[in-house]
Amino acid sequence: MRRWDGLVNSYSRVCEARGLAEVTIQNRVRELERFGSWLKRRRPKIQLDKVDSELVIRFIQDRTYFRSRSTVSGIVSSLRGMGEFLVLEGVWTKNPLRWIRGPKLDIRQRLPKRIKPSHLKALWSAAQSRPHEHARYQAVCLLAILYGTGLRRGELERLNKEDWDRDNAILKIDGHKTGQARHVPVSEGVWKCIEAYLPHRHNQIEKAGSLEERALLVNRRGRRMSSFNISGMVRRLSAVAKIPIVTIHQFRHSCASDLLESGVSLPEVQKILGHSKIQSTVRYVDIADPARAAAINRHPLNQFLGQEKPQEVS
């Protein structure tokens, strides 16, 4: 089993050559390291070429106890890919994982939870009521970017000042998660929020003596806001606004749903969110369908309940 670590490293290089995102490769390597550690603890010791499907199933059962379907599917996928690599390397004569299938996933099974318009308004009011001037403009800018662009928390954390193209109203987003950088246009409202914040950002880093700081969003010490800081700010704003706790990812869900509801095409929303597969974007259709909502409002039940008689469909 001493060969396992070397084989995992070789497999990760193959994944890099295929163009997989760094975070995807890291997740696969971590899962394969767990499998290797699990094999090394077996007694009596097991030779790598003696690993069979029964042994793999035992690991999957141990590893996925009380885990979600998506987690189970990811584990099986990582092991299956490594199995194919071991066959090509001549370590295994056949891949015992080839026939193993993860649970069937329905991307519409769990609908994304969007933020209510009234709650968004309350969050904005809470941000504008912050007593410290830098904190006030910072919070408004943060909310505008989250809701206006649908950025992930890590993407927002890693934004640098030079990633903001004010002349073309574009944010340049790194490809840390997907492996592909993208340019996201912003609306006039978001543009104004970012531009209004920048002078206060400069004052803050100048006061802190950290003019070399590249981050777009900085904390009171003039340093980059961490993911923890960003989440903490949103939680505090939720508390001030007296609404249920809002998570960062809910802004992403709300951005996608509201864009689709406003008539933006599915491929365009996919590009804005940075989804590598359009299936990830399709799930938002079920919660952003104004035509279907209008249709159900014409249900004859409205008449029975004493509502106004629906108009004839032209």
Protein backbone atom coordinates (compact mmCIF):
# COMPACT_ATOMS: atom_id res chain seq x y z
CA MET A 1 0.00 0.00 0.00
CA ARG A 2 3.04 2.30 0.06
CA ARG A 3 2.48 2.88 -3.66
CA TRP A 4 -0.93 4.44 -3.09
CA ASP A 5 0.24 7.97 -2.28
CA GLY A 6 2.45 8.09 -5.36
CA LEU A 7 -0.39 6.85 -7.56
CA VAL A 8 -2.74 9.49 -6.13
CA ASN A 9 -0.19 12.19 -6.99
CA SER A 10 0.11 10.84 -10.53
CA TYR A 11 -3.68 10.78 -10.88
CA SER A 12 -3.92 14.40 -9.70
CA ARG A 13 -1.45 15.42 -12.43
CA VAL A 14 -3.61 13.63 -14.99
CA CYS A 15 -6.64 15.59 -13.72
CA GLU A 16 -4.66 18.83 -14.06
CA ALA A 17 -3.75 17.94 -17.65
CA ARG A 18 -7.45 17.37 -18.35
CA GLY A 19 -8.14 20.93 -17.23
CA LEU A 20 -10.16 20.16 -14.08
CA ALA A 21 -10.53 22.99 -11.58
CA GLU A 22 -8.04 23.09 -8.73
CA VAL A 23 -10.74 22.79 -6.06
CA THR A 24 -12.18 19.70 -7.83
CA ILE A 25 -8.77 18.06 -7.90
CA GLN A 26 -8.20 18.87 -4.23
CA ASN A 27 -11.53 17.30 -3.27
CA ARG A 28 -10.71 14.15 -5.23
CA VAL A 29 -7.26 13.86 -3.71
CA ARG A 30 -8.65 14.24 -0.18
CA GLU A 31 -11.19 11.50 -0.81
CA LEU A 32 -8.56 9.16 -2.27
CA GLU A 33 -6.26 9.83 0.69
CA ARG A 34 -9.11 8.80 3.01
CA PHE A 35 -9.55 5.60 1.03
CA GLY A 36 -5.80 4.93 1.16
CA SER A 37 -5.69 5.46 4.93
CA TRP A 38 -8.69 3.17 5.35
CA LEU A 39 -6.97 0.43 3.31
CA LYS A 40 -3.73 0.78 5.31
CA ARG A 41 -5.63 0.17 8.56
CA ARG A 42 -7.08 -3.14 7.34
CA ARG A 43 -5.77 -6.28 9.03
CA PRO A 44 -4.41 -8.48 7.66
CA LYS A 45 -2.67 -6.08 5.29
CA ILE A 46 -4.15 -5.87 1.81
CA GLN A 47 -2.14 -5.75 -1.40
CA LEU A 48 -3.29 -3.01 -3.77
CA ASP A 49 -3.85 -5.44 -6.64
CA LYS A 50 -6.09 -7.53 -4.36
CA VAL A 51 -8.62 -4.77 -3.73
CA ASP A 52 -12.03 -5.94 -4.95
CA SER A 53 -15.55 -4.56 -5.21
CA GLU A 54 -16.60 -6.00 -1.85
CA LEU A 55 -13.82 -4.07 -0.10
CA VAL A 56 -14.70 -0.86 -1.92
CA ILE A 57 -18.36 -1.19 -0.97
CA ARG A 58 -17.38 -1.62 2.69
CA PHE A 59 -15.42 1.64 2.53
CA ILE A 60 -18.29 3.48 0.82
CA GLN A 61 -20.69 2.23 3.48
CA ASP A 62 -18.38 3.39 6.29
CA ARG A 63 -17.65 6.73 4.64
CA THR A 64 -21.21 7.63 3.63
CA TYR A 65 -23.10 6.74 6.79
CA PHE A 66 -25.70 9.49 7.33
CA ARG A 67 -24.32 11.48 4.37
CA SER A 68 -26.37 13.31 1.74
CA ARG A 69 -26.94 11.88 -1.73
CA SER A 70 -24.72 14.48 -3.33
CA THR A 71 -21.86 13.58 -0.98
CA VAL A 72 -22.25 9.87 -1.70
CA SER A 73 -22.31 10.53 -5.44
CA GLY A 74 -19.11 12.59 -5.22
CA ILE A 75 -17.27 9.89 -3.26
CA VAL A 76 -18.27 7.16 -5.73
CA SER A 77 -17.26 9.36 -8.67
CA SER A 78 -13.80 10.06 -7.19
CA LEU A 79 -13.16 6.37 -6.54
CA ARG A 80 -14.41 5.33 -9.97
CA GLY A 81 -12.11 7.81 -11.71
CA MET A 82 -9.12 6.54 -9.74
CA GLY A 83 -10.10 2.98 -10.61
CA GLU A 84 -9.97 3.75 -14.34
CA PHE A 85 -6.53 5.32 -13.85
CA LEU A 86 -5.25 2.22 -12.01
CA VAL A 87 -6.42 0.01 -14.89
CA LEU A 88 -4.52 2.19 -17.38
CA GLU A 89 -1.44 1.99 -15.15
CA GLY A 90 -1.67 -1.81 -15.07
CA VAL A 91 -2.17 -1.89 -11.30
CA TRP A 92 -5.66 -3.40 -11.66
CA THR A 93 -6.80 -5.71 -14.42
CA LYS A 94 -10.32 -4.31 -14.14
CA ASN A 95 -12.02 -1.47 -12.30
CA PRO A 96 -14.18 -2.91 -9.48
CA LEU A 97 -15.92 0.45 -9.20
CA ARG A 98 -17.07 0.64 -12.81
CA TRP A 99 -20.42 -0.99 -12.12
CA ILE A 100 -21.03 0.89 -8.86
CA ARG A 101 -23.41 3.80 -9.32
CA GLY A 102 -24.04 6.59 -6.89
CA PRO A 103 -27.57 7.63 -5.89
CA LYS A 104 -29.65 9.27 -8.60
CA LEU A 105 -29.69 13.00 -8.05
CA ASP A 106 -32.55 15.25 -9.03
CA ILE A 107 -31.29 18.84 -9.25
CA ARG A 108 -34.86 20.03 -8.70
CA GLN A 109 -35.24 18.00 -5.50
CA ARG A 110 -34.03 20.84 -3.29
CA LEU A 111 -35.19 24.20 -4.52
CA PRO A 112 -32.87 27.13 -3.78
CA LYS A 113 -34.11 29.43 -1.05
CA ARG A 114 -34.35 33.02 -2.21
CA ILE A 115 -34.58 36.14 -0.04
CA LYS A 116 -37.96 37.86 0.17
CA PRO A 117 -38.07 41.37 -1.34
CA SER A 118 -39.21 42.79 2.01
CA HIS A 119 -36.22 41.15 3.70
CA LEU A 120 -33.84 42.55 1.09
CA LYS A 121 -35.24 46.02 1.75
CA ALA A 122 -34.80 45.53 5.49
CA LEU A 123 -31.17 44.45 4.98
CA TRP A 124 -30.47 47.56 2.93
CA SER A 125 -32.00 49.76 5.63
CA ALA A 126 -29.88 48.01 8.26
CA ALA A 127 -26.73 48.59 6.19
CA GLN A 128 -27.53 52.28 5.71
CA SER A 129 -28.11 52.73 9.45
CA ARG A 130 -24.59 51.66 10.48
CA PRO A 131 -23.05 54.49 12.54
CA HIS A 132 -19.46 54.35 11.22
CA GLU A 133 -19.11 55.90 7.77
CA HIS A 134 -16.71 53.30 6.33
CA ALA A 135 -18.80 50.45 7.71
CA ARG A 136 -21.96 51.95 6.22
CA TYR A 137 -20.60 52.30 2.68
CA GLN A 138 -18.83 48.94 2.98
CA ALA A 139 -22.04 47.11 3.95
CA VAL A 140 -24.06 48.72 1.15
CA CYS A 141 -21.34 47.87 -1.39
CA LEU A 142 -21.15 44.28 -0.13
CA LEU A 143 -24.92 43.75 -0.38
CA ALA A 144 -25.03 45.34 -3.84
CA ILE A 145 -22.32 43.05 -5.20
CA LEU A 146 -23.80 39.91 -3.64
CA TYR A 147 -27.34 40.50 -4.87
CA GLY A 148 -26.40 42.27 -8.11
CA THR A 149 -23.89 39.70 -9.39
CA GLY A 150 -24.58 36.45 -7.52
CA LEU A 151 -20.92 36.03 -6.54
CA ARG A 152 -19.90 33.18 -4.28
CA ARG A 153 -18.51 34.12 -0.87
CA GLY A 154 -14.96 33.07 -1.79
CA GLU A 155 -15.12 35.02 -5.03
CA LEU A 156 -16.15 38.15 -3.15
CA GLU A 157 -13.39 37.63 -0.57
CA ARG A 158 -10.72 37.31 -3.29
CA LEU A 159 -11.80 40.39 -5.26
CA ASN A 160 -9.01 42.94 -5.62
CA LYS A 161 -9.40 46.62 -6.39
CA GLU A 162 -7.84 46.10 -9.84
CA ASP A 163 -10.57 43.55 -10.61
CA TRP A 164 -13.01 46.46 -10.80
CA ASP A 165 -13.19 47.96 -14.30
CA ARG A 166 -15.13 51.14 -13.64
CA ASP A 167 -15.05 52.35 -17.27
CA ASN A 168 -16.81 49.22 -18.54
CA ALA A 169 -18.72 48.44 -15.32
CA ILE A 170 -17.26 44.93 -15.10
CA LEU A 171 -16.00 42.80 -12.22
CA LYS A 172 -13.28 40.30 -13.10
CA ILE A 173 -13.88 37.07 -11.19
CA ASP A 174 -11.15 34.48 -10.68
CA GLY A 175 -11.66 30.87 -11.70
CA HIS A 176 -10.66 29.34 -8.37
CA LYS A 177 -13.76 27.13 -8.16
CA THR A 178 -14.56 26.44 -11.82
CA GLY A 179 -11.10 26.73 -13.37
CA GLN A 180 -12.32 29.51 -15.67
CA ALA A 181 -12.20 33.24 -14.94
CA ARG A 182 -15.18 35.33 -16.04
CA HIS A 183 -16.19 38.95 -16.45
CA VAL A 184 -19.47 39.95 -14.82
CA PRO A 185 -21.15 43.20 -15.87
CA VAL A 186 -22.86 45.20 -13.13
CA SER A 187 -25.91 47.42 -13.22
CA GLU A 188 -25.81 51.17 -12.74
CA GLY A 189 -26.97 50.76 -9.14
CA VAL A 190 -24.13 48.38 -8.25
CA TRP A 191 -21.67 50.65 -10.08
CA LYS A 192 -22.73 53.60 -7.91
CA CYS A 193 -22.43 51.55 -4.69
CA ILE A 194 -18.89 50.41 -5.54
CA GLU A 195 -17.75 53.88 -6.59
CA ALA A 196 -19.26 55.47 -3.48
CA TYR A 197 -17.39 52.97 -1.29
CA LEU A 198 -13.92 53.34 -2.87
CA PRO A 199 -13.01 56.75 -1.32
CA HIS A 200 -13.91 55.38 2.14
CA ARG A 201 -11.83 52.26 1.42
CA HIS A 202 -8.86 54.45 0.56
CA ASN A 203 -9.29 56.50 3.75
CA GLN A 204 -9.41 53.30 5.80
CA ILE A 205 -6.24 51.73 4.38
CA GLU A 206 -4.44 55.07 4.58
CA LYS A 207 -5.43 55.43 8.23
CA ALA A 208 -4.27 51.86 8.92
CA GLY A 209 -0.99 52.40 7.06
CA SER A 210 -1.73 49.58 4.63
CA LEU A 211 -1.79 51.36 1.27
CA GLU A 212 -0.31 48.23 -0.34
CA GLU A 213 -3.54 46.28 0.37
CA ARG A 214 -5.06 45.04 -2.90
CA ALA A 215 -8.41 43.78 -1.58
CA LEU A 216 -11.57 45.52 -2.73
CA LEU A 217 -13.33 44.99 0.58
CA VAL A 218 -11.26 45.81 3.66
CA ASN A 219 -11.98 45.60 7.38
CA ARG A 220 -11.40 48.21 10.10
CA ARG A 221 -7.69 47.35 10.21
CA GLY A 222 -7.37 48.07 6.50
CA ARG A 223 -6.91 44.41 5.62
CA ARG A 224 -8.82 42.04 3.34
CA MET A 225 -12.20 40.95 4.66
CA SER A 226 -12.20 37.19 5.21
CA SER A 227 -15.08 34.86 4.40
CA PHE A 228 -15.78 34.73 8.13
CA ASN A 229 -15.97 38.56 8.27
CA ILE A 230 -18.33 38.67 5.28
CA SER A 231 -20.69 36.06 6.74
CA GLY A 232 -20.55 37.75 10.13
CA MET A 233 -21.56 41.10 8.66
CA VAL A 234 -24.57 39.59 6.90
CA ARG A 235 -25.62 37.83 10.11
CA ARG A 236 -25.38 41.10 12.07
CA LEU A 237 -27.37 42.96 9.42
CA SER A 238 -30.03 40.21 9.58
CA ALA A 239 -30.24 40.66 13.34
CA VAL A 240 -30.57 44.45 13.07
CA ALA A 241 -33.19 44.04 10.32
CA LYS A 242 -35.06 41.54 12.55
CA ILE A 243 -35.39 38.96 9.79
CA PRO A 244 -34.42 35.26 9.67
CA ILE A 245 -30.68 34.73 9.30
CA VAL A 246 -29.67 35.19 5.66
CA THR A 247 -26.77 33.17 4.24
CA ILE A 248 -24.36 34.42 1.59
CA HIS A 249 -25.50 31.79 -0.89
CA GLN A 250 -29.10 32.97 -0.64
CA PHE A 251 -28.04 36.17 -2.41
CA ARG A 252 -26.77 34.00 -5.26
CA HIS A 253 -30.09 32.12 -5.38
CA SER A 254 -32.04 35.38 -5.31
CA CYS A 255 -29.91 36.96 -8.05
CA ALA A 256 -30.41 33.97 -10.37
CA SER A 257 -34.13 33.61 -9.68
CA ASP A 258 -34.87 37.32 -10.07
CA LEU A 259 -32.87 37.57 -13.31
CA LEU A 260 -34.82 34.67 -14.80
CA GLU A 261 -38.08 36.15 -13.57
CA SER A 262 -37.15 39.43 -15.29
CA GLY A 263 -36.76 37.64 -18.61
CA VAL A 264 -32.98 37.09 -18.78
CA SER A 265 -32.20 33.92 -20.76
CA LEU A 266 -30.95 30.77 -19.06
CA PRO A 267 -27.53 30.75 -20.86
CA GLU A 268 -26.92 34.37 -19.84
CA VAL A 269 -27.69 33.61 -16.19
CA GLN A 270 -25.35 30.62 -16.45
CA LYS A 271 -22.54 32.92 -17.62
CA ILE A 272 -23.19 35.45 -14.87
CA LEU A 273 -23.15 32.82 -12.12
CA GLY A 274 -20.19 30.97 -13.60
CA HIS A 275 -21.89 27.56 -13.74
CA SER A 276 -19.84 25.08 -15.77
CA LYS A 277 -23.01 23.09 -16.58
CA ILE A 278 -26.37 24.59 -17.46
CA GLN A 279 -28.07 21.88 -15.35
CA SER A 280 -26.92 23.83 -12.28
CA THR A 281 -28.81 26.87 -13.57
CA VAL A 282 -31.95 25.00 -14.65
CA ARG A 283 -33.05 24.42 -11.05
CA TYR A 284 -33.78 28.13 -10.68
CA VAL A 285 -36.44 27.92 -13.38
CA ASP A 286 -38.83 26.15 -10.98
CA ILE A 287 -38.86 29.14 -8.61
CA ALA A 288 -38.75 31.89 -11.23
CA ASP A 289 -41.58 31.31 -13.66
CA PRO A 290 -43.86 34.38 -13.86
CA ALA A 291 -45.87 32.89 -16.72
CA ARG A 292 -46.77 29.86 -14.63
CA ALA A 293 -47.63 32.05 -11.64
CA ALA A 294 -49.90 34.19 -13.81
CA ALA A 295 -51.53 31.08 -15.24
CA ILE A 296 -52.37 29.59 -11.85
CA ASN A 297 -53.91 32.91 -10.81
CA ARG A 298 -56.55 32.27 -13.49
CA HIS A 299 -57.65 29.05 -11.79
CA PRO A 300 -61.49 28.78 -11.52
CA LEU A 301 -61.06 28.30 -7.77
CA ASN A 302 -60.77 32.10 -7.56
CA GLN A 303 -64.44 32.30 -8.59
CA PHE A 304 -65.50 29.87 -5.89
CA LEU A 305 -63.70 31.95 -3.29
CA GLY A 306 -65.47 35.09 -4.39
CA GLN A 307 -62.56 36.57 -6.33
CA GLU A 308 -62.92 38.54 -9.50
CA LYS A 309 -63.76 36.43 -12.54
CA PRO A 310 -60.64 35.65 -14.59
CA GLN A 311 -60.44 37.34 -17.93
CA GLU A 312 -60.65 35.30 -21.08
CA VAL A 313 -57.31 34.18 -22.48
CA SER A 314 -56.75 35.89 -25.82
